[in-house]
Amino acid sequence: IMELTRAKLTDFGLALSKDMKASGRPLDYMQSLKANEMFGRPFESLTSVQGAKVEEISGVLGKDAALLTFFVGDDETTVLLVQDGSIAGWIRPVGRSDMVGMVGRFRQALHSPLRASARDGDIEELNTTGARLYRELLGSVLEAVKKPIVYIVPHGPLHYLPFAAIHDGRAYLLAR
């Protein structure tokens, strides 16, 4: 999360010159401060980030829900669980390139049974990859969830993962 808050404004495609007219170069920190002075609050969020407190997030979630959020890094994936006013975290040993491969294979296998030429191997790949995704991302994490409703906030390649279709060997995540 800290790396995201330090991101340069160029990551958002914003570029202004010293006189605040559009240009093709990035807006540096001093220019962004000047933009705040000239234009006021609309630019303020570009130079500062105010995070929500765990208690505030829990208040929004209510008593029946938990928040499960992911951050996929180069070498590992961080999983955070917010519930009942507290936060728990796990570091999973699967990085971005492995995650991209697993999610891609899972999505491809998920669509294979819809084709007329589907083979048993396609369904086996779906089950195998789905079980690995479950183990790598959710196995020990879901044991800590105490709520009937879980909101999932994916990151990176996980935006392309249909979490509801992951199977743990007994049931689909959606059924849990």
N, C-alpha and C. Protein backbone atom coordinates (compact mmCIF):
# COMPACT_ATOMS: atom_id res chain seq x y z
N ILE A 1 0.84 -1.18 0.00
CA ILE A 1 0.00 0.00 0.00
C ILE A 1 0.88 1.24 0.00
N MET A 2 1.97 1.21 0.77
CA MET A 2 2.84 2.38 0.82
C MET A 2 3.42 2.68 -0.56
N GLU A 3 3.78 1.64 -1.32
CA GLU A 3 4.32 1.87 -2.65
C GLU A 3 3.30 2.55 -3.54
N LEU A 4 2.04 2.18 -3.37
CA LEU A 4 0.99 2.81 -4.18
C LEU A 4 0.85 4.28 -3.85
N THR A 5 0.98 4.64 -2.59
CA THR A 5 0.83 6.04 -2.21
C THR A 5 2.02 6.88 -2.66
N ARG A 6 3.15 6.23 -2.93
CA ARG A 6 4.32 6.95 -3.41
C ARG A 6 4.37 7.02 -4.93
N ALA A 7 3.40 6.45 -5.59
CA ALA A 7 3.42 6.39 -7.05
C ALA A 7 3.51 7.79 -7.65
N LYS A 8 4.26 7.91 -8.71
CA LYS A 8 4.37 9.20 -9.37
C LYS A 8 3.07 9.50 -10.10
N LEU A 9 2.79 10.77 -10.27
CA LEU A 9 1.57 11.17 -10.94
C LEU A 9 1.53 10.72 -12.38
N THR A 10 2.68 10.44 -12.96
CA THR A 10 2.70 9.97 -14.34
C THR A 10 2.00 8.64 -14.48
N ASP A 11 1.94 7.85 -13.40
CA ASP A 11 1.23 6.58 -13.44
C ASP A 11 -0.25 6.80 -13.75
N PHE A 12 -0.74 7.98 -13.44
CA PHE A 12 -2.14 8.29 -13.68
C PHE A 12 -2.34 9.06 -14.98
N GLY A 13 -1.26 9.27 -15.75
CA GLY A 13 -1.36 9.94 -17.04
C GLY A 13 -1.53 11.44 -16.94
N LEU A 14 -1.21 12.05 -15.81
CA LEU A 14 -1.39 13.48 -15.64
C LEU A 14 -0.09 14.20 -15.91
N ALA A 15 -0.13 15.20 -16.77
CA ALA A 15 1.07 15.97 -17.07
C ALA A 15 0.68 17.43 -17.25
N LEU A 16 1.28 18.33 -16.47
CA LEU A 16 1.03 19.76 -16.57
C LEU A 16 2.37 20.49 -16.60
N SER A 17 2.41 21.59 -17.36
CA SER A 17 3.61 22.41 -17.38
C SER A 17 3.56 23.38 -16.21
N LYS A 18 4.60 24.23 -16.07
CA LYS A 18 4.66 25.16 -14.95
C LYS A 18 3.48 26.12 -14.92
N ASP A 19 2.97 26.47 -16.10
CA ASP A 19 1.83 27.38 -16.11
C ASP A 19 0.50 26.61 -16.06
N MET A 20 0.57 25.33 -15.75
CA MET A 20 -0.58 24.45 -15.54
C MET A 20 -1.37 24.17 -16.81
N LYS A 21 -0.76 24.34 -17.97
CA LYS A 21 -1.41 23.94 -19.22
C LYS A 21 -0.93 22.53 -19.56
N ALA A 22 -1.72 21.80 -20.29
CA ALA A 22 -1.36 20.42 -20.63
C ALA A 22 -0.06 20.38 -21.42
N SER A 23 0.78 19.47 -21.09
CA SER A 23 2.02 19.24 -21.82
C SER A 23 2.26 17.74 -21.86
N GLY A 24 3.32 17.34 -22.47
CA GLY A 24 3.59 15.92 -22.57
C GLY A 24 4.53 15.40 -21.51
N ARG A 25 4.86 16.21 -20.51
CA ARG A 25 5.80 15.74 -19.50
C ARG A 25 5.12 15.58 -18.14
N PRO A 26 5.72 14.82 -17.25
CA PRO A 26 5.06 14.53 -15.97
C PRO A 26 4.95 15.73 -15.04
N LEU A 27 3.97 15.69 -14.21
CA LEU A 27 3.77 16.69 -13.17
C LEU A 27 4.64 16.29 -11.98
N ASP A 28 5.60 17.14 -11.60
CA ASP A 28 6.42 16.79 -10.45
C ASP A 28 5.74 17.24 -9.16
N TYR A 29 6.34 16.89 -8.05
CA TYR A 29 5.71 17.15 -6.75
C TYR A 29 5.48 18.64 -6.53
N MET A 30 6.47 19.48 -6.85
CA MET A 30 6.33 20.92 -6.65
C MET A 30 5.22 21.49 -7.52
N GLN A 31 5.11 20.99 -8.75
CA GLN A 31 4.04 21.46 -9.63
C GLN A 31 2.68 21.05 -9.08
N SER A 32 2.62 19.87 -8.49
CA SER A 32 1.34 19.43 -7.95
C SER A 32 0.94 20.28 -6.75
N LEU A 33 1.93 20.71 -5.95
CA LEU A 33 1.62 21.62 -4.85
C LEU A 33 1.11 22.96 -5.38
N LYS A 34 1.73 23.45 -6.46
CA LYS A 34 1.28 24.69 -7.07
C LYS A 34 -0.14 24.53 -7.62
N ALA A 35 -0.42 23.36 -8.19
CA ALA A 35 -1.78 23.11 -8.70
C ALA A 35 -2.78 23.16 -7.55
N ASN A 36 -2.40 22.62 -6.40
CA ASN A 36 -3.29 22.69 -5.24
C ASN A 36 -3.57 24.14 -4.85
N GLU A 37 -2.50 24.97 -4.87
CA GLU A 37 -2.68 26.38 -4.52
C GLU A 37 -3.56 27.10 -5.53
N MET A 38 -3.35 26.81 -6.82
CA MET A 38 -4.08 27.51 -7.87
C MET A 38 -5.52 27.02 -8.01
N PHE A 39 -5.70 25.70 -7.96
CA PHE A 39 -7.00 25.13 -8.27
C PHE A 39 -7.74 24.57 -7.06
N GLY A 40 -7.09 24.53 -5.94
CA GLY A 40 -7.74 24.09 -4.72
C GLY A 40 -7.87 22.59 -4.60
N ARG A 41 -8.88 22.16 -3.90
CA ARG A 41 -9.06 20.78 -3.47
C ARG A 41 -9.11 19.73 -4.57
N PRO A 42 -9.54 19.99 -5.79
CA PRO A 42 -9.58 18.90 -6.77
C PRO A 42 -8.25 18.21 -6.99
N PHE A 43 -7.13 18.95 -6.81
CA PHE A 43 -5.82 18.35 -7.02
C PHE A 43 -5.20 17.81 -5.74
N GLU A 44 -5.82 18.07 -4.61
CA GLU A 44 -5.24 17.68 -3.33
C GLU A 44 -5.02 16.17 -3.23
N SER A 45 -5.92 15.39 -3.75
CA SER A 45 -5.79 13.94 -3.64
C SER A 45 -4.63 13.40 -4.47
N LEU A 46 -4.09 14.21 -5.38
CA LEU A 46 -2.95 13.76 -6.18
C LEU A 46 -1.63 13.86 -5.42
N THR A 47 -1.60 14.63 -4.35
CA THR A 47 -0.36 14.79 -3.60
C THR A 47 -0.43 14.22 -2.19
N SER A 48 -1.61 13.84 -1.76
CA SER A 48 -1.73 13.25 -0.43
C SER A 48 -2.83 12.19 -0.45
N VAL A 49 -2.63 11.19 0.35
CA VAL A 49 -3.61 10.11 0.44
C VAL A 49 -3.99 9.96 1.91
N GLN A 50 -5.27 9.98 2.17
CA GLN A 50 -5.72 9.73 3.53
C GLN A 50 -6.38 8.36 3.56
N GLY A 51 -5.77 7.46 4.29
CA GLY A 51 -6.33 6.13 4.40
C GLY A 51 -7.43 6.07 5.45
N ALA A 52 -8.26 5.08 5.32
CA ALA A 52 -9.31 4.87 6.31
C ALA A 52 -8.76 4.02 7.45
N LYS A 53 -9.25 4.26 8.63
CA LYS A 53 -8.87 3.46 9.79
C LYS A 53 -9.63 2.13 9.75
N VAL A 54 -9.04 1.12 10.36
CA VAL A 54 -9.66 -0.20 10.38
C VAL A 54 -11.05 -0.13 10.99
N GLU A 55 -11.22 0.67 12.02
CA GLU A 55 -12.53 0.81 12.66
C GLU A 55 -13.56 1.39 11.70
N GLU A 56 -13.12 2.34 10.86
CA GLU A 56 -14.03 2.93 9.87
C GLU A 56 -14.44 1.91 8.82
N ILE A 57 -13.47 1.13 8.36
CA ILE A 57 -13.77 0.09 7.38
C ILE A 57 -14.73 -0.93 7.98
N SER A 58 -14.46 -1.35 9.19
CA SER A 58 -15.33 -2.32 9.86
C SER A 58 -16.74 -1.77 10.04
N GLY A 59 -16.84 -0.48 10.33
CA GLY A 59 -18.16 0.15 10.46
C GLY A 59 -18.94 0.10 9.17
N VAL A 60 -18.26 0.31 8.06
CA VAL A 60 -18.92 0.25 6.76
C VAL A 60 -19.31 -1.19 6.42
N LEU A 61 -18.45 -2.14 6.77
CA LEU A 61 -18.73 -3.55 6.48
C LEU A 61 -19.93 -4.05 7.28
N GLY A 62 -20.09 -3.57 8.49
CA GLY A 62 -21.17 -4.05 9.34
C GLY A 62 -20.78 -5.32 10.07
N LYS A 63 -21.74 -5.87 10.80
CA LYS A 63 -21.43 -7.03 11.64
C LYS A 63 -21.41 -8.36 10.89
N ASP A 64 -21.93 -8.40 9.66
CA ASP A 64 -22.01 -9.67 8.93
C ASP A 64 -21.01 -9.82 7.79
N ALA A 65 -20.09 -8.86 7.63
CA ALA A 65 -19.20 -8.91 6.46
C ALA A 65 -17.74 -8.73 6.85
N ALA A 66 -16.88 -9.26 5.99
CA ALA A 66 -15.43 -9.12 6.12
C ALA A 66 -14.89 -8.66 4.78
N LEU A 67 -13.69 -8.09 4.82
CA LEU A 67 -13.03 -7.61 3.61
C LEU A 67 -11.75 -8.40 3.42
N LEU A 68 -11.58 -8.98 2.25
CA LEU A 68 -10.39 -9.74 1.92
C LEU A 68 -9.72 -9.05 0.74
N THR A 69 -8.52 -8.53 0.96
CA THR A 69 -7.85 -7.78 -0.10
C THR A 69 -6.48 -8.38 -0.39
N PHE A 70 -6.06 -8.24 -1.63
CA PHE A 70 -4.82 -8.85 -2.11
C PHE A 70 -3.90 -7.79 -2.69
N PHE A 71 -2.60 -8.02 -2.57
CA PHE A 71 -1.59 -7.23 -3.28
C PHE A 71 -0.58 -8.22 -3.86
N VAL A 72 -0.55 -8.32 -5.19
CA VAL A 72 0.35 -9.25 -5.87
C VAL A 72 1.66 -8.53 -6.17
N GLY A 73 2.73 -8.97 -5.53
CA GLY A 73 4.05 -8.40 -5.75
C GLY A 73 4.85 -9.25 -6.73
N ASP A 74 6.08 -8.87 -6.96
CA ASP A 74 6.93 -9.61 -7.89
C ASP A 74 7.18 -11.04 -7.43
N ASP A 75 7.40 -11.23 -6.11
CA ASP A 75 7.78 -12.54 -5.60
C ASP A 75 6.79 -13.16 -4.63
N GLU A 76 5.82 -12.38 -4.16
CA GLU A 76 4.87 -12.90 -3.18
C GLU A 76 3.57 -12.11 -3.26
N THR A 77 2.55 -12.68 -2.66
CA THR A 77 1.24 -12.03 -2.62
C THR A 77 0.86 -11.81 -1.16
N THR A 78 0.45 -10.60 -0.86
CA THR A 78 0.00 -10.25 0.48
C THR A 78 -1.51 -10.31 0.53
N VAL A 79 -2.04 -10.97 1.55
CA VAL A 79 -3.48 -11.09 1.74
C VAL A 79 -3.82 -10.46 3.08
N LEU A 80 -4.79 -9.56 3.08
CA LEU A 80 -5.23 -8.91 4.31
C LEU A 80 -6.71 -9.19 4.53
N LEU A 81 -7.07 -9.46 5.77
CA LEU A 81 -8.45 -9.72 6.16
C LEU A 81 -8.85 -8.70 7.21
N VAL A 82 -9.93 -7.97 6.94
CA VAL A 82 -10.45 -7.01 7.90
C VAL A 82 -11.81 -7.51 8.36
N GLN A 83 -11.95 -7.67 9.67
CA GLN A 83 -13.24 -8.06 10.25
C GLN A 83 -13.23 -7.73 11.74
N ASP A 84 -14.40 -7.40 12.25
CA ASP A 84 -14.56 -7.12 13.69
C ASP A 84 -13.56 -6.09 14.23
N GLY A 85 -13.23 -5.09 13.44
CA GLY A 85 -12.34 -4.04 13.91
C GLY A 85 -10.88 -4.40 13.98
N SER A 86 -10.51 -5.54 13.41
CA SER A 86 -9.10 -5.93 13.42
C SER A 86 -8.66 -6.35 12.02
N ILE A 87 -7.35 -6.45 11.87
CA ILE A 87 -6.79 -6.82 10.58
C ILE A 87 -5.81 -7.97 10.78
N ALA A 88 -5.84 -8.93 9.88
CA ALA A 88 -4.90 -10.06 9.90
C ALA A 88 -4.27 -10.13 8.52
N GLY A 89 -3.05 -10.60 8.46
CA GLY A 89 -2.35 -10.65 7.18
C GLY A 89 -1.57 -11.92 6.98
N TRP A 90 -1.40 -12.28 5.71
CA TRP A 90 -0.64 -13.45 5.31
C TRP A 90 0.23 -13.06 4.12
N ILE A 91 1.40 -13.64 4.06
CA ILE A 91 2.27 -13.51 2.89
C ILE A 91 2.27 -14.87 2.21
N ARG A 92 1.80 -14.90 0.97
CA ARG A 92 1.73 -16.15 0.21
C ARG A 92 2.90 -16.19 -0.77
N PRO A 93 3.58 -17.32 -0.92
CA PRO A 93 4.80 -17.39 -1.73
C PRO A 93 4.56 -17.53 -3.23
N VAL A 94 3.65 -16.75 -3.77
CA VAL A 94 3.41 -16.79 -5.22
C VAL A 94 3.43 -15.36 -5.73
N GLY A 95 4.32 -15.11 -6.71
CA GLY A 95 4.49 -13.77 -7.25
C GLY A 95 3.69 -13.54 -8.51
N ARG A 96 3.91 -12.36 -9.09
CA ARG A 96 3.13 -11.90 -10.24
C ARG A 96 3.19 -12.86 -11.43
N SER A 97 4.38 -13.28 -11.86
CA SER A 97 4.45 -14.10 -13.07
C SER A 97 3.77 -15.45 -12.88
N ASP A 98 3.96 -16.08 -11.72
CA ASP A 98 3.25 -17.34 -11.44
C ASP A 98 1.74 -17.13 -11.39
N MET A 99 1.33 -16.02 -10.79
CA MET A 99 -0.10 -15.73 -10.66
C MET A 99 -0.73 -15.50 -12.03
N VAL A 100 -0.03 -14.77 -12.90
CA VAL A 100 -0.54 -14.54 -14.25
C VAL A 100 -0.73 -15.87 -14.97
N GLY A 101 0.24 -16.76 -14.84
CA GLY A 101 0.14 -18.08 -15.48
C GLY A 101 -1.02 -18.90 -14.94
N MET A 102 -1.15 -18.95 -13.62
CA MET A 102 -2.24 -19.74 -13.02
C MET A 102 -3.61 -19.19 -13.39
N VAL A 103 -3.76 -17.88 -13.31
CA VAL A 103 -5.06 -17.27 -13.64
C VAL A 103 -5.37 -17.50 -15.11
N GLY A 104 -4.39 -17.36 -15.98
CA GLY A 104 -4.59 -17.60 -17.41
C GLY A 104 -5.01 -19.02 -17.70
N ARG A 105 -4.31 -20.00 -17.09
CA ARG A 105 -4.68 -21.41 -17.28
C ARG A 105 -6.07 -21.71 -16.74
N PHE A 106 -6.39 -21.12 -15.60
CA PHE A 106 -7.71 -21.35 -15.00
C PHE A 106 -8.81 -20.79 -15.90
N ARG A 107 -8.62 -19.59 -16.40
CA ARG A 107 -9.64 -18.99 -17.28
C ARG A 107 -9.79 -19.78 -18.57
N GLN A 108 -8.67 -20.23 -19.13
CA GLN A 108 -8.73 -21.02 -20.36
C GLN A 108 -9.45 -22.35 -20.10
N ALA A 109 -9.12 -23.00 -19.01
CA ALA A 109 -9.77 -24.27 -18.67
C ALA A 109 -11.24 -24.06 -18.34
N LEU A 110 -11.58 -22.94 -17.76
CA LEU A 110 -12.96 -22.64 -17.41
C LEU A 110 -13.82 -22.52 -18.66
N HIS A 111 -13.25 -21.98 -19.72
CA HIS A 111 -14.00 -21.82 -20.97
C HIS A 111 -13.97 -23.07 -21.83
N SER A 112 -13.03 -23.98 -21.60
CA SER A 112 -12.90 -25.20 -22.42
C SER A 112 -14.15 -26.08 -22.41
N PRO A 113 -14.78 -26.34 -21.26
CA PRO A 113 -15.96 -27.21 -21.28
C PRO A 113 -17.11 -26.66 -22.11
N LEU A 114 -17.08 -25.38 -22.42
CA LEU A 114 -18.14 -24.78 -23.22
C LEU A 114 -17.97 -25.08 -24.70
N ARG A 115 -16.75 -25.51 -25.09
CA ARG A 115 -16.49 -25.85 -26.49
C ARG A 115 -16.95 -27.27 -26.77
N ALA A 116 -17.36 -27.50 -27.99
CA ALA A 116 -17.80 -28.84 -28.40
C ALA A 116 -16.64 -29.83 -28.34
N SER A 117 -15.41 -29.33 -28.51
CA SER A 117 -14.25 -30.21 -28.54
C SER A 117 -13.61 -30.39 -27.16
N ALA A 118 -14.33 -30.09 -26.11
CA ALA A 118 -13.78 -30.20 -24.76
C ALA A 118 -13.38 -31.64 -24.46
N ARG A 119 -12.26 -31.79 -23.75
CA ARG A 119 -11.74 -33.10 -23.38
C ARG A 119 -11.74 -33.23 -21.87
N ASP A 120 -11.60 -34.45 -21.40
CA ASP A 120 -11.50 -34.68 -19.96
C ASP A 120 -10.30 -33.96 -19.37
N GLY A 121 -9.23 -33.84 -20.15
CA GLY A 121 -8.04 -33.15 -19.68
C GLY A 121 -8.30 -31.68 -19.38
N ASP A 122 -9.22 -31.06 -20.12
CA ASP A 122 -9.58 -29.67 -19.88
C ASP A 122 -10.23 -29.52 -18.50
N ILE A 123 -11.11 -30.45 -18.19
CA ILE A 123 -11.80 -30.40 -16.89
C ILE A 123 -10.81 -30.71 -15.76
N GLU A 124 -9.89 -31.63 -16.02
CA GLU A 124 -8.85 -31.94 -15.03
C GLU A 124 -7.97 -30.72 -14.78
N GLU A 125 -7.61 -30.00 -15.86
CA GLU A 125 -6.80 -28.77 -15.71
C GLU A 125 -7.57 -27.73 -14.90
N LEU A 126 -8.86 -27.63 -15.13
CA LEU A 126 -9.70 -26.68 -14.38
C LEU A 126 -9.67 -27.02 -12.89
N ASN A 127 -9.86 -28.27 -12.58
CA ASN A 127 -9.87 -28.69 -11.17
C ASN A 127 -8.49 -28.55 -10.52
N THR A 128 -7.45 -28.95 -11.24
CA THR A 128 -6.09 -28.86 -10.70
C THR A 128 -5.67 -27.41 -10.46
N THR A 129 -5.87 -26.57 -11.47
CA THR A 129 -5.47 -25.16 -11.33
C THR A 129 -6.34 -24.45 -10.30
N GLY A 130 -7.63 -24.76 -10.29
CA GLY A 130 -8.53 -24.16 -9.30
C GLY A 130 -8.13 -24.53 -7.88
N ALA A 131 -7.76 -25.80 -7.69
CA ALA A 131 -7.33 -26.24 -6.35
C ALA A 131 -6.02 -25.57 -5.94
N ARG A 132 -5.11 -25.39 -6.90
CA ARG A 132 -3.84 -24.71 -6.57
C ARG A 132 -4.10 -23.24 -6.22
N LEU A 133 -4.96 -22.57 -6.98
CA LEU A 133 -5.30 -21.18 -6.68
C LEU A 133 -5.91 -21.09 -5.28
N TYR A 134 -6.79 -22.02 -4.97
CA TYR A 134 -7.40 -22.03 -3.64
C TYR A 134 -6.34 -22.17 -2.56
N ARG A 135 -5.45 -23.15 -2.72
CA ARG A 135 -4.38 -23.38 -1.74
C ARG A 135 -3.47 -22.16 -1.61
N GLU A 136 -3.03 -21.63 -2.75
CA GLU A 136 -2.06 -20.53 -2.74
C GLU A 136 -2.64 -19.23 -2.18
N LEU A 137 -3.91 -18.98 -2.46
CA LEU A 137 -4.50 -17.70 -2.07
C LEU A 137 -5.37 -17.76 -0.82
N LEU A 138 -6.15 -18.81 -0.67
CA LEU A 138 -7.23 -18.79 0.29
C LEU A 138 -7.19 -19.85 1.38
N GLY A 139 -6.42 -20.90 1.19
CA GLY A 139 -6.44 -22.04 2.11
C GLY A 139 -6.51 -21.69 3.58
N SER A 140 -5.44 -21.19 4.14
CA SER A 140 -5.43 -20.87 5.57
C SER A 140 -6.15 -19.56 5.87
N VAL A 141 -6.32 -18.73 4.87
CA VAL A 141 -6.98 -17.43 5.08
C VAL A 141 -8.46 -17.61 5.41
N LEU A 142 -9.15 -18.45 4.65
CA LEU A 142 -10.59 -18.61 4.87
C LEU A 142 -10.92 -19.25 6.21
N GLU A 143 -9.95 -19.95 6.79
CA GLU A 143 -10.18 -20.51 8.13
C GLU A 143 -10.37 -19.41 9.17
N ALA A 144 -9.81 -18.24 8.90
CA ALA A 144 -9.91 -17.13 9.84
C ALA A 144 -11.17 -16.28 9.64
N VAL A 145 -11.85 -16.46 8.52
CA VAL A 145 -13.05 -15.66 8.24
C VAL A 145 -14.20 -16.17 9.12
N LYS A 146 -14.83 -15.22 9.83
CA LYS A 146 -15.92 -15.57 10.73
C LYS A 146 -17.27 -15.03 10.25
N LYS A 147 -17.29 -14.43 9.07
CA LYS A 147 -18.48 -13.73 8.59
C LYS A 147 -19.11 -14.46 7.41
N PRO A 148 -20.44 -14.36 7.25
CA PRO A 148 -21.10 -15.01 6.13
C PRO A 148 -20.91 -14.28 4.79
N ILE A 149 -20.56 -12.99 4.84
CA ILE A 149 -20.35 -12.21 3.63
C ILE A 149 -18.88 -11.79 3.58
N VAL A 150 -18.24 -12.04 2.43
CA VAL A 150 -16.84 -11.67 2.25
C VAL A 150 -16.73 -10.85 0.97
N TYR A 151 -16.26 -9.62 1.11
CA TYR A 151 -15.98 -8.77 -0.04
C TYR A 151 -14.53 -8.98 -0.43
N ILE A 152 -14.29 -9.19 -1.72
CA ILE A 152 -12.93 -9.45 -2.22
C ILE A 152 -12.47 -8.26 -3.03
N VAL A 153 -11.27 -7.77 -2.69
CA VAL A 153 -10.64 -6.69 -3.43
C VAL A 153 -9.39 -7.27 -4.10
N PRO A 154 -9.48 -7.57 -5.40
CA PRO A 154 -8.33 -8.17 -6.09
C PRO A 154 -7.28 -7.12 -6.43
N HIS A 155 -6.12 -7.60 -6.89
CA HIS A 155 -5.05 -6.72 -7.34
C HIS A 155 -4.36 -7.38 -8.52
N GLY A 156 -3.96 -6.59 -9.47
CA GLY A 156 -3.19 -7.09 -10.61
C GLY A 156 -3.91 -8.19 -11.35
N PRO A 157 -3.24 -9.33 -11.58
CA PRO A 157 -3.85 -10.42 -12.35
C PRO A 157 -5.09 -11.02 -11.69
N LEU A 158 -5.26 -10.79 -10.40
CA LEU A 158 -6.43 -11.34 -9.71
C LEU A 158 -7.73 -10.66 -10.14
N HIS A 159 -7.62 -9.51 -10.82
CA HIS A 159 -8.82 -8.88 -11.38
C HIS A 159 -9.47 -9.79 -12.43
N TYR A 160 -8.69 -10.69 -13.01
CA TYR A 160 -9.20 -11.58 -14.06
C TYR A 160 -9.59 -12.96 -13.52
N LEU A 161 -9.51 -13.14 -12.24
CA LEU A 161 -9.84 -14.43 -11.63
C LEU A 161 -11.28 -14.45 -11.15
N PRO A 162 -12.10 -15.35 -11.67
CA PRO A 162 -13.47 -15.48 -11.15
C PRO A 162 -13.43 -16.28 -9.83
N PHE A 163 -13.27 -15.57 -8.72
CA PHE A 163 -13.10 -16.21 -7.42
C PHE A 163 -14.22 -17.21 -7.12
N ALA A 164 -15.44 -16.91 -7.51
CA ALA A 164 -16.57 -17.79 -7.20
C ALA A 164 -16.39 -19.17 -7.81
N ALA A 165 -15.62 -19.30 -8.87
CA ALA A 165 -15.45 -20.57 -9.56
C ALA A 165 -14.30 -21.41 -9.01
N ILE A 166 -13.55 -20.90 -8.04
CA ILE A 166 -12.46 -21.68 -7.45
C ILE A 166 -13.06 -22.79 -6.59
N HIS A 167 -12.52 -23.98 -6.75
CA HIS A 167 -13.02 -25.17 -6.05
C HIS A 167 -11.95 -25.68 -5.10
N ASP A 168 -12.33 -25.98 -3.87
CA ASP A 168 -11.35 -26.45 -2.88
C ASP A 168 -11.29 -27.97 -2.78
N GLY A 169 -11.97 -28.67 -3.66
CA GLY A 169 -12.03 -30.13 -3.60
C GLY A 169 -13.34 -30.63 -3.04
N ARG A 170 -14.04 -29.76 -2.31
CA ARG A 170 -15.35 -30.11 -1.75
C ARG A 170 -16.47 -29.24 -2.31
N ALA A 171 -16.18 -27.95 -2.46
CA ALA A 171 -17.22 -27.02 -2.92
C ALA A 171 -16.59 -25.82 -3.59
N TYR A 172 -17.40 -25.13 -4.39
CA TYR A 172 -16.95 -23.88 -5.00
C TYR A 172 -16.96 -22.79 -3.95
N LEU A 173 -16.09 -21.82 -4.12
CA LEU A 173 -16.02 -20.71 -3.17
C LEU A 173 -17.36 -20.03 -3.03
N LEU A 174 -18.09 -19.91 -4.10
CA LEU A 174 -19.41 -19.27 -4.08
C LEU A 174 -20.35 -19.97 -3.11
N ALA A 175 -20.23 -21.29 -3.00
CA ALA A 175 -21.12 -22.06 -2.12
C ALA A 175 -20.73 -21.94 -0.65
N ARG A 176 -19.54 -21.47 -0.38
CA ARG A 176 -19.10 -21.35 1.01
C ARG A 176 -19.66 -20.09 1.57
